[in-house]
C-alpha atoms as a PDB file:
ATOM      1  CA  MET A   1     -13.599  34.197  46.343  1.00  0.00           C
ATOM      2  CA  LEU A   2     -11.730  34.867  42.808  1.00  0.00           C
ATOM      3  CA  THR A   3     -12.335  38.481  43.284  1.00  0.00           C
ATOM      4  CA  ARG A   4     -11.161  38.729  46.575  1.00  0.00           C
ATOM      5  CA  LEU A   5      -7.660  36.836  45.709  1.00  0.00           C
ATOM      6  CA  LYS A   6      -7.153  39.016  43.199  1.00  0.00           C
ATOM      7  CA  ARG A   7      -7.281  42.090  45.279  1.00  0.00           C
ATOM      8  CA  GLU A   8      -5.562  40.795  47.502  1.00  0.00           C
ATOM      9  CA  GLY A   9      -2.341  40.114  45.417  1.00  0.00           C
ATOM     10  CA  VAL A  10      -2.629  36.485  45.298  1.00  0.00           C
ATOM     11  CA  LYS A  11      -1.213  34.359  42.145  1.00  0.00           C
ATOM     12  CA  LEU A  12      -3.936  32.382  40.856  1.00  0.00           C
ATOM     13  CA  TYR A  13      -3.397  29.853  38.428  1.00  0.00           C
ATOM     14  CA  LEU A  14      -5.850  27.313  36.456  1.00  0.00           C
ATOM     15  CA  ILE A  15      -4.179  24.420  35.422  1.00  0.00           C
ATOM     16  CA  SER A  16      -4.929  21.853  32.945  1.00  0.00           C
ATOM     17  CA  ALA A  17      -8.150  23.818  31.478  1.00  0.00           C
ATOM     18  CA  LEU A  18     -10.179  22.550  28.814  1.00  0.00           C
ATOM     19  CA  PHE A  19     -12.537  25.376  27.292  1.00  0.00           C
ATOM     20  CA  ARG A  20     -15.111  24.958  24.912  1.00  0.00           C
ATOM     21  CA  PRO A  21     -17.204  27.125  22.293  1.00  0.00           C
ATOM     22  CA  ASP A  22     -20.734  26.414  24.159  1.00  0.00           C
ATOM     23  CA  GLN A  23     -19.382  27.599  27.694  1.00  0.00           C
ATOM     24  CA  LEU A  24     -21.127  30.548  28.940  1.00  0.00           C
ATOM     25  CA  PHE A  25     -17.370  32.323  28.588  1.00  0.00           C
ATOM     26  CA  PHE A  26     -17.833  32.610  25.149  1.00  0.00           C
ATOM     27  CA  LYS A  27     -21.821  33.447  25.113  1.00  0.00           C
ATOM     28  CA  ARG A  28     -22.900  36.890  24.337  1.00  0.00           C
ATOM     29  CA  TYR A  29     -24.324  37.280  27.792  1.00  0.00           C
ATOM     30  CA  GLY A  30     -21.266  35.945  29.325  1.00  0.00           C
ATOM     31  CA  MET A  31     -19.579  38.778  30.067  1.00  0.00           C
ATOM     32  CA  TRP A  32     -19.796  38.358  34.032  1.00  0.00           C
ATOM     33  CA  TYR A  33     -17.928  35.014  33.624  1.00  0.00           C
ATOM     34  CA  ARG A  34     -15.604  36.389  31.573  1.00  0.00           C
ATOM     35  CA  ARG A  35     -14.537  39.030  34.173  1.00  0.00           C
ATOM     36  CA  MET A  36     -13.814  36.005  36.599  1.00  0.00           C
ATOM     37  CA  LEU A  37     -11.515  34.621  34.269  1.00  0.00           C
ATOM     38  CA  LYS A  38      -9.436  37.605  34.531  1.00  0.00           C
ATOM     39  CA  CYS A  39      -8.850  36.787  38.265  1.00  0.00           C
ATOM     40  CA  PHE A  40      -6.203  34.494  36.825  1.00  0.00           C
ATOM     41  CA  THR A  41      -2.663  35.093  37.113  1.00  0.00           C
ATOM     42  CA  HIS A  42      -2.426  32.812  34.258  1.00  0.00           C
ATOM     43  CA  ILE A  43      -4.667  29.695  32.773  1.00  0.00           C
ATOM     44  CA  PHE A  44      -2.662  27.158  31.460  1.00  0.00           C
ATOM     45  CA  VAL A  45      -4.802  25.178  28.881  1.00  0.00           C
ATOM     46  CA  GLN A  46      -4.743  21.134  27.184  1.00  0.00           C
ATOM     47  CA  ASN A  47      -4.967  22.115  23.721  1.00  0.00           C
ATOM     48  CA  GLU A  48      -5.134  25.102  20.998  1.00  0.00           C
ATOM     49  CA  GLN A  49      -8.804  25.842  20.604  1.00  0.00           C
ATOM     50  CA  SER A  50      -8.703  26.585  24.431  1.00  0.00           C
ATOM     51  CA  GLU A  51      -5.904  29.041  23.957  1.00  0.00           C
ATOM     52  CA  ASN A  52      -7.773  30.558  21.048  1.00  0.00           C
ATOM     53  CA  LEU A  53     -11.053  30.888  22.811  1.00  0.00           C
ATOM     54  CA  LEU A  54      -9.325  32.424  25.174  1.00  0.00           C
ATOM     55  CA  LEU A  55      -7.601  34.929  22.645  1.00  0.00           C
ATOM     56  CA  SER A  56     -10.876  35.589  21.125  1.00  0.00           C
ATOM     57  CA  ILE A  57     -12.154  37.106  24.283  1.00  0.00           C
ATOM     58  CA  GLY A  58      -9.328  39.519  25.042  1.00  0.00           C
ATOM     59  CA  TYR A  59      -7.758  36.922  28.041  1.00  0.00           C
ATOM     60  CA  SER A  60      -4.015  36.777  26.756  1.00  0.00           C
ATOM     61  CA  HIS A  61      -2.286  35.183  29.985  1.00  0.00           C
ATOM     62  CA  VAL A  62      -2.500  31.728  28.624  1.00  0.00           C
ATOM     63  CA  THR A  63      -0.162  28.506  27.463  1.00  0.00           C
ATOM     64  CA  VAL A  64      -1.074  25.464  25.727  1.00  0.00           C
ATOM     65  CA  SER A  65       0.991  23.038  28.259  1.00  0.00           C
ATOM     66  CA  GLY A  66      -1.138  19.595  28.114  1.00  0.00           C
ATOM     67  CA  ASP A  67      -3.064  17.727  30.739  1.00  0.00           C
ATOM     68  CA  THR A  68      -1.087  16.715  34.218  1.00  0.00           C
ATOM     69  CA  ARG A  69      -3.461  13.423  34.547  1.00  0.00           C
ATOM     70  CA  PHE A  70      -1.458  11.726  31.879  1.00  0.00           C
ATOM     71  CA  ASP A  71       1.974  12.417  34.449  1.00  0.00           C
ATOM     72  CA  ARG A  72      -0.047  11.180  37.486  1.00  0.00           C
ATOM     73  CA  VAL A  73      -1.537   8.013  35.264  1.00  0.00           C
ATOM     74  CA  SER A  74       1.933   7.364  33.885  1.00  0.00           C
ATOM     75  CA  GLN A  75       2.971   6.577  37.366  1.00  0.00           C
ATOM     76  CA  ILE A  76       0.305   3.884  37.696  1.00  0.00           C
ATOM     77  CA  VAL A  77       2.483   1.382  35.916  1.00  0.00           C
ATOM     78  CA  SER A  78       5.599   1.699  38.138  1.00  0.00           C
ATOM     79  CA  LYS A  79       3.380   1.606  41.378  1.00  0.00           C
ATOM     80  CA  ALA A  80       0.616  -0.633  40.389  1.00  0.00           C
ATOM     81  CA  LYS A  81      -0.300  -3.064  43.210  1.00  0.00           C
ATOM     82  CA  GLU A  82      -0.021  -6.780  42.486  1.00  0.00           C
ATOM     83  CA  LEU A  83      -3.465  -8.522  42.784  1.00  0.00           C
ATOM     84  CA  PRO A  84      -2.907 -12.345  42.741  1.00  0.00           C
ATOM     85  CA  LEU A  85      -6.444 -13.338  43.219  1.00  0.00           C
ATOM     86  CA  ILE A  86      -7.404 -11.550  39.692  1.00  0.00           C
ATOM     87  CA  ASN A  87      -4.325 -13.001  37.903  1.00  0.00           C
ATOM     88  CA  SER A  88      -5.759 -16.353  39.177  1.00  0.00           C
ATOM     89  CA  PHE A  89      -9.121 -15.481  37.885  1.00  0.00           C
ATOM     90  CA  LYS A  90      -7.507 -14.503  34.599  1.00  0.00           C
ATOM     91  CA  ARG A  91      -5.752 -17.838  34.556  1.00  0.00           C
ATOM     92  CA  GLY A  92      -3.876 -16.827  31.228  1.00  0.00           C
ATOM     93  CA  LYS A  93      -7.302 -16.134  29.574  1.00  0.00           C
ATOM     94  CA  THR A  94      -8.252 -13.219  27.311  1.00  0.00           C
ATOM     95  CA  THR A  95      -9.808 -10.919  30.101  1.00  0.00           C
ATOM     96  CA  LEU A  96     -12.279  -7.861  29.466  1.00  0.00           C
ATOM     97  CA  VAL A  97     -11.925  -5.445  32.570  1.00  0.00           C
ATOM     98  CA  ALA A  98     -15.247  -3.104  33.232  1.00  0.00           C
ATOM     99  CA  GLY A  99     -14.036  -0.161  35.645  1.00  0.00           C
ATOM    100  CA  SER A 100     -16.585   1.988  36.885  1.00  0.00           C
ATOM    101  CA  THR A 101     -19.791   0.569  35.424  1.00  0.00           C
ATOM    102  CA  TRP A 102     -23.351   1.721  36.178  1.00  0.00           C
ATOM    103  CA  PRO A 103     -26.661  -0.524  35.574  1.00  0.00           C
ATOM    104  CA  LYS A 104     -27.037   0.268  31.915  1.00  0.00           C
ATOM    105  CA  ASP A 105     -23.657  -0.725  31.376  1.00  0.00           C
ATOM    106  CA  GLU A 106     -23.782  -3.829  33.615  1.00  0.00           C
ATOM    107  CA  GLU A 107     -27.052  -4.815  31.782  1.00  0.00           C
ATOM    108  CA  LEU A 108     -25.716  -4.460  28.373  1.00  0.00           C
ATOM    109  CA  LEU A 109     -22.528  -6.201  29.245  1.00  0.00           C
ATOM    110  CA  ALA A 110     -24.342  -9.173  30.978  1.00  0.00           C
ATOM    111  CA  GLN A 111     -26.369  -9.625  27.760  1.00  0.00           C
ATOM    112  CA  TRP A 112     -23.203  -9.786  25.266  1.00  0.00           C
ATOM    113  CA  PHE A 113     -21.296 -11.904  27.816  1.00  0.00           C
ATOM    114  CA  ARG A 114     -24.248 -14.243  27.852  1.00  0.00           C
ATOM    115  CA  ASN A 115     -24.294 -14.617  24.081  1.00  0.00           C
ATOM    116  CA  SER A 116     -20.519 -14.006  23.094  1.00  0.00           C
ATOM    117  CA  SER A 117     -19.077 -16.896  21.506  1.00  0.00           C
ATOM    118  CA  SER A 118     -15.399 -15.624  22.417  1.00  0.00           C
ATOM    119  CA  GLN A 119     -13.802 -17.283  25.282  1.00  0.00           C
ATOM    120  CA  VAL A 120     -13.195 -14.292  27.449  1.00  0.00           C
ATOM    121  CA  LYS A 121     -13.308 -13.754  31.215  1.00  0.00           C
ATOM    122  CA  LEU A 122     -15.291 -10.732  32.600  1.00  0.00           C
ATOM    123  CA  THR A 123     -13.854  -8.468  35.252  1.00  0.00           C
ATOM    124  CA  ILE A 124     -16.492  -5.857  37.004  1.00  0.00           C
ATOM    125  CA  ALA A 125     -15.665  -3.071  38.986  1.00  0.00           C
ATOM    126  CA  PRO A 126     -18.767  -1.060  39.761  1.00  0.00           C
ATOM    127  CA  HIS A 127     -19.019   2.708  40.597  1.00  0.00           C
ATOM    128  CA  GLU A 128     -21.597   1.892  43.521  1.00  0.00           C
ATOM    129  CA  ILE A 129     -20.266  -0.930  45.712  1.00  0.00           C
ATOM    130  CA  ASP A 130     -23.199  -1.095  48.176  1.00  0.00           C
ATOM    131  CA  GLU A 131     -24.559  -4.522  48.820  1.00  0.00           C
ATOM    132  CA  SER A 132     -27.864  -4.149  46.958  1.00  0.00           C
ATOM    133  CA  HIS A 133     -25.888  -3.263  43.611  1.00  0.00           C
ATOM    134  CA  ILE A 134     -23.651  -6.364  43.989  1.00  0.00           C
ATOM    135  CA  GLN A 135     -26.713  -8.319  44.213  1.00  0.00           C
ATOM    136  CA  SER A 136     -28.467  -7.013  40.840  1.00  0.00           C
ATOM    137  CA  ILE A 137     -24.931  -7.603  39.177  1.00  0.00           C
ATOM    138  CA  ILE A 138     -25.166 -10.989  40.514  1.00  0.00           C
ATOM    139  CA  GLN A 139     -28.469 -11.640  39.484  1.00  0.00           C
ATOM    140  CA  LEU A 140     -27.648 -10.357  35.829  1.00  0.00           C
ATOM    141  CA  PHE A 141     -25.077 -13.113  35.365  1.00  0.00           C
ATOM    142  CA  ASN A 142     -27.459 -15.872  37.061  1.00  0.00           C
ATOM    143  CA  GLY A 143     -26.304 -19.163  35.823  1.00  0.00           C
ATOM    144  CA  LEU A 144     -22.827 -18.547  35.366  1.00  0.00           C
ATOM    145  CA  LYS A 145     -19.928 -18.582  37.815  1.00  0.00           C
ATOM    146  CA  VAL A 146     -19.842 -15.657  39.642  1.00  0.00           C
ATOM    147  CA  ALA A 147     -17.239 -14.277  42.129  1.00  0.00           C
ATOM    148  CA  ARG A 148     -16.848 -11.411  44.300  1.00  0.00           C
ATOM    149  CA  TYR A 149     -13.491 -10.099  45.283  1.00  0.00           C
ATOM    150  CA  THR A 150     -13.483 -10.119  49.044  1.00  0.00           C
ATOM    151  CA  LYS A 151     -15.661 -13.292  49.096  1.00  0.00           C
ATOM    152  CA  VAL A 152     -13.373 -15.881  47.280  1.00  0.00           C
ATOM    153  CA  THR A 153     -10.086 -17.780  47.466  1.00  0.00           C
ATOM    154  CA  GLU A 154      -7.966 -17.541  44.396  1.00  0.00           C
ATOM    155  CA  LYS A 155      -8.685 -21.276  43.511  1.00  0.00           C
ATOM    156  CA  GLU A 156     -12.751 -20.283  43.433  1.00  0.00           C
ATOM    157  CA  ALA A 157     -11.664 -17.201  41.501  1.00  0.00           C
ATOM    158  CA  ALA A 158      -9.806 -19.390  38.968  1.00  0.00           C
ATOM    159  CA  GLU A 159     -12.745 -21.494  38.693  1.00  0.00           C
ATOM    160  CA  ALA A 160     -15.467 -18.285  37.837  1.00  0.00           C
ATOM    161  CA  ASN A 161     -16.336 -16.672  34.372  1.00  0.00           C
ATOM    162  CA  VAL A 162     -17.114 -13.201  36.015  1.00  0.00           C
ATOM    163  CA  LEU A 163     -15.359 -11.373  39.052  1.00  0.00           C
ATOM    164  CA  ILE A 164     -17.135  -8.306  40.750  1.00  0.00           C
ATOM    165  CA  VAL A 165     -14.489  -6.094  42.376  1.00  0.00           C
ATOM    166  CA  ASP A 166     -16.701  -5.336  45.607  1.00  0.00           C
ATOM    167  CA  THR A 167     -14.336  -2.822  47.007  1.00  0.00           C
ATOM    168  CA  ILE A 168     -12.556   0.628  46.185  1.00  0.00           C
ATOM    169  CA  GLY A 169      -8.840   1.407  45.376  1.00  0.00           C
ATOM    170  CA  ILE A 170      -7.689  -1.113  43.005  1.00  0.00           C
ATOM    171  CA  LEU A 171      -9.146  -0.643  39.704  1.00  0.00           C
ATOM    172  CA  SER A 172      -6.440   1.366  38.410  1.00  0.00           C
ATOM    173  CA  SER A 173      -4.150  -1.927  39.150  1.00  0.00           C
ATOM    174  CA  ALA A 174      -6.564  -4.639  37.730  1.00  0.00           C
ATOM    175  CA  TYR A 175      -6.566  -2.833  34.535  1.00  0.00           C
ATOM    176  CA  ARG A 176      -3.277  -4.600  33.795  1.00  0.00           C
ATOM    177  CA  TYR A 177      -5.042  -7.852  33.798  1.00  0.00           C
ATOM    178  CA  GLY A 178      -7.064  -7.349  30.700  1.00  0.00           C
ATOM    179  CA  GLU A 179      -6.605  -7.027  27.260  1.00  0.00           C
ATOM    180  CA  LEU A 180      -9.570  -4.791  26.773  1.00  0.00           C
ATOM    181  CA  ALA A 181     -11.444  -1.933  28.512  1.00  0.00           C
ATOM    182  CA  TYR A 182     -15.004  -0.883  29.007  1.00  0.00           C
ATOM    183  CA  ILE A 183     -15.229   2.331  30.985  1.00  0.00           C
ATOM    184  CA  GLY A 184     -18.393   2.794  32.225  1.00  0.00           C
ATOM    185  CA  GLY A 185     -20.760   6.245  32.612  1.00  0.00           C
ATOM    186  CA  GLY A 186     -21.065   6.838  29.174  1.00  0.00           C
ATOM    187  CA  PHE A 187     -24.836   6.414  29.407  1.00  0.00           C
ATOM    188  CA  GLY A 188     -25.384   8.792  32.084  1.00  0.00           C
ATOM    189  CA  SER A 189     -23.519  12.108  32.587  1.00  0.00           C
ATOM    190  CA  GLY A 190     -20.540  11.417  30.931  1.00  0.00           C
ATOM    191  CA  ILE A 191     -18.001   8.584  31.137  1.00  0.00           C
ATOM    192  CA  HIS A 192     -15.314   7.896  33.670  1.00  0.00           C
ATOM    193  CA  ASN A 193     -11.544   7.944  33.826  1.00  0.00           C
ATOM    194  CA  THR A 194     -10.201   6.295  30.427  1.00  0.00           C
ATOM    195  CA  LEU A 195      -6.501   7.187  31.142  1.00  0.00           C
ATOM    196  CA  GLU A 196      -6.460   4.701  34.042  1.00  0.00           C
ATOM    197  CA  ALA A 197      -6.753   1.820  31.425  1.00  0.00           C
ATOM    198  CA  ALA A 198      -5.063   3.248  28.360  1.00  0.00           C
ATOM    199  CA  THR A 199      -1.751   3.480  30.149  1.00  0.00           C
ATOM    200  CA  TRP A 200      -1.651  -0.047  30.652  1.00  0.00           C
ATOM    201  CA  GLY A 201      -2.029  -0.385  26.672  1.00  0.00           C
ATOM    202  CA  ILE A 202      -5.261  -1.629  26.424  1.00  0.00           C
ATOM    203  CA  PRO A 203      -8.210  -0.207  23.947  1.00  0.00           C
ATOM    204  CA  VAL A 204     -10.655   1.175  25.780  1.00  0.00           C
ATOM    205  CA  VAL A 205     -14.864   0.883  24.830  1.00  0.00           C
ATOM    206  CA  PHE A 206     -17.229   3.511  26.606  1.00  0.00           C
ATOM    207  CA  GLY A 207     -20.588   4.690  25.701  1.00  0.00           C
ATOM    208  CA  PRO A 208     -22.470   7.439  23.467  1.00  0.00           C
ATOM    209  CA  ARG A 209     -21.362  10.586  26.079  1.00  0.00           C
ATOM    210  CA  TYR A 210     -17.839  11.262  25.744  1.00  0.00           C
ATOM    211  CA  GLN A 211     -17.643  14.476  24.026  1.00  0.00           C
ATOM    212  CA  LYS A 212     -16.448  16.898  26.702  1.00  0.00           C
ATOM    213  CA  PHE A 213     -13.525  14.490  27.111  1.00  0.00           C
ATOM    214  CA  LYS A 214     -10.554  15.500  25.269  1.00  0.00           C
ATOM    215  CA  GLU A 215      -9.040  12.383  25.609  1.00  0.00           C
ATOM    216  CA  ALA A 216     -11.869   9.818  24.487  1.00  0.00           C
ATOM    217  CA  ASN A 217     -11.947  11.707  21.253  1.00  0.00           C
ATOM    218  CA  ASP A 218      -7.933  11.220  20.709  1.00  0.00           C
ATOM    219  CA  LEU A 219      -8.296   7.988  21.922  1.00  0.00           C
ATOM    220  CA  ILE A 220     -11.166   7.576  19.088  1.00  0.00           C
ATOM    221  CA  ALA A 221      -9.275   9.231  16.273  1.00  0.00           C
ATOM    222  CA  GLY A 222      -6.292   7.308  16.776  1.00  0.00           C
ATOM    223  CA  GLY A 223      -8.140   4.128  17.145  1.00  0.00           C
ATOM    224  CA  GLY A 224      -7.513   3.067  20.812  1.00  0.00           C
ATOM    225  CA  GLY A 225     -10.841   3.863  22.020  1.00  0.00           C
ATOM    226  CA  TYR A 226     -14.419   3.211  20.754  1.00  0.00           C
ATOM    227  CA  SER A 227     -17.686   4.870  21.448  1.00  0.00           C
ATOM    228  CA  ILE A 228     -20.795   2.648  21.495  1.00  0.00           C
ATOM    229  CA  ASN A 229     -24.666   3.512  21.294  1.00  0.00           C
ATOM    230  CA  GLY A 230     -26.434  -0.015  22.302  1.00  0.00           C
ATOM    231  CA  LEU A 231     -25.778  -3.839  22.550  1.00  0.00           C
ATOM    232  CA  THR A 232     -25.348  -4.032  18.790  1.00  0.00           C
ATOM    233  CA  ASP A 233     -22.503  -1.589  18.724  1.00  0.00           C
ATOM    234  CA  LEU A 234     -21.396  -3.108  21.717  1.00  0.00           C
ATOM    235  CA  SER A 235     -21.316  -6.550  20.377  1.00  0.00           C
ATOM    236  CA  SER A 236     -19.857  -5.522  17.013  1.00  0.00           C
ATOM    237  CA  THR A 237     -16.746  -3.674  18.685  1.00  0.00           C
ATOM    238  CA  PHE A 238     -16.132  -6.314  21.142  1.00  0.00           C
ATOM    239  CA  GLU A 239     -16.086  -9.306  18.871  1.00  0.00           C
ATOM    240  CA  MET A 240     -14.030  -7.433  16.403  1.00  0.00           C
ATOM    241  CA  LEU A 241     -11.297  -6.532  19.055  1.00  0.00           C
ATOM    242  CA  LEU A 242     -11.384 -10.191  20.087  1.00  0.00           C
ATOM    243  CA  ASN A 243     -11.318 -11.934  16.845  1.00  0.00           C
ATOM    244  CA  GLN A 244      -9.134  -9.956  15.177  1.00  0.00           C
ATOM    245  CA  PRO A 245      -5.730 -10.307  16.911  1.00  0.00           C
ATOM    246  CA  GLU A 246      -3.843  -7.840  14.428  1.00  0.00           C
ATOM    247  CA  ARG A 247      -6.454  -5.322  15.058  1.00  0.00           C
ATOM    248  CA  LEU A 248      -6.420  -5.582  18.918  1.00  0.00           C
ATOM    249  CA  LYS A 249      -2.625  -5.113  18.757  1.00  0.00           C
ATOM    250  CA  LEU A 250      -3.090  -1.732  16.624  1.00  0.00           C
ATOM    251  CA  SER A 251      -5.264  -0.522  19.158  1.00  0.00           C
ATOM    252  CA  SER A 252      -3.853  -1.332  22.012  1.00  0.00           C
ATOM    253  CA  ARG A 253      -0.159   0.083  20.588  1.00  0.00           C
ATOM    254  CA  PHE A 254      -1.807   3.280  20.156  1.00  0.00           C
ATOM    255  CA  ALA A 255      -3.392   3.795  23.642  1.00  0.00           C
ATOM    256  CA  ARG A 256       0.036   3.015  24.993  1.00  0.00           C
ATOM    257  CA  GLU A 257       1.945   5.427  22.717  1.00  0.00           C
ATOM    258  CA  TYR A 258      -0.814   8.199  22.956  1.00  0.00           C
ATOM    259  CA  ILE A 259      -0.398   8.023  27.163  1.00  0.00           C
ATOM    260  CA  GLU A 260       3.512   8.390  26.388  1.00  0.00           C
ATOM    261  CA  MET A 261       3.214  11.277  23.768  1.00  0.00           C
ATOM    262  CA  GLN A 262       0.972  13.112  26.228  1.00  0.00           C
ATOM    263  CA  ARG A 263       3.395  12.964  28.982  1.00  0.00           C
ATOM    264  CA  GLY A 264       5.300  16.205  30.589  1.00  0.00           C
ATOM    265  CA  ALA A 265       2.388  18.895  31.498  1.00  0.00           C
ATOM    266  CA  THR A 266       3.605  19.030  35.290  1.00  0.00           C
ATOM    267  CA  GLU A 267       6.897  20.005  34.546  1.00  0.00           C
ATOM    268  CA  ARG A 268       6.062  22.659  32.057  1.00  0.00           C
ATOM    269  CA  ILE A 269       3.715  24.217  34.164  1.00  0.00           C
ATOM    270  CA  LEU A 270       5.820  23.861  37.591  1.00  0.00           C
ATOM    271  CA  SER A 271       8.584  25.398  35.534  1.00  0.00           C
ATOM    272  CA  SER A 272       6.637  28.286  33.986  1.00  0.00           C
ATOM    273  CA  ILE A 273       5.282  28.961  37.274  1.00  0.00           C
ATOM    274  CA  HIS A 274       8.502  29.093  38.773  1.00  0.00           C
ATOM    275  CA  ILE A 275       9.998  31.435  36.348  1.00  0.00           C
ATOM    276  CA  ASP A 276       6.939  33.798  36.848  1.00  0.00           C
END
């Protein structure tokens, strides 16, 4: 497809690209893959490392423009849905929102929540919402007051300790009701979207498989993100943030400012393409 587009003279742009030294393009045996890159009219990359890697293999039609996802998630705040039921569940209490979770994430969260001395509420929005998975989450919190988003009234939600979001399409808005976020997937193939939570100015915590995600590395470096390897790490990180208001405040501020500082890639890219 790439070679046919080039042969037909169709302009082709790669946007928000992120390259790493371990990718096939930069291996001794990666000649075929490098040829495919040259089918692109121009490549817009997220950072200078990506630019330097492309330059090292002779590809010079490259611009560091940033990541357009920051522009998209920044719109979440202005277009977010009001969720009265989650607001009733929160009832003014400190709330942890766990998004896109998998079974390993949920097991750790349940173990921590059952033994935590912090007076917090927990909202879980699992990645998979089939009935068997929802029931397995309910079992993890057996003995606690657990509510399902689609099956309770606001009054019933207010009395619960744990709220399971068993529907899709509201997670990005649900983060607004949290003081702290846990992002699932870090014990599997890789973490899910950290930016949807960080745009609300809340710290993000996630599992150990985050290295391929520039934003996760940046958030950790600035103190707005935290990686955990297991229950001990998870417990100490949560308790630190929940029991040290100033630390939580600083982490929240960095998360918010990081999103703000990274905005503008879309405009830069569209301007360049228009000129080209």
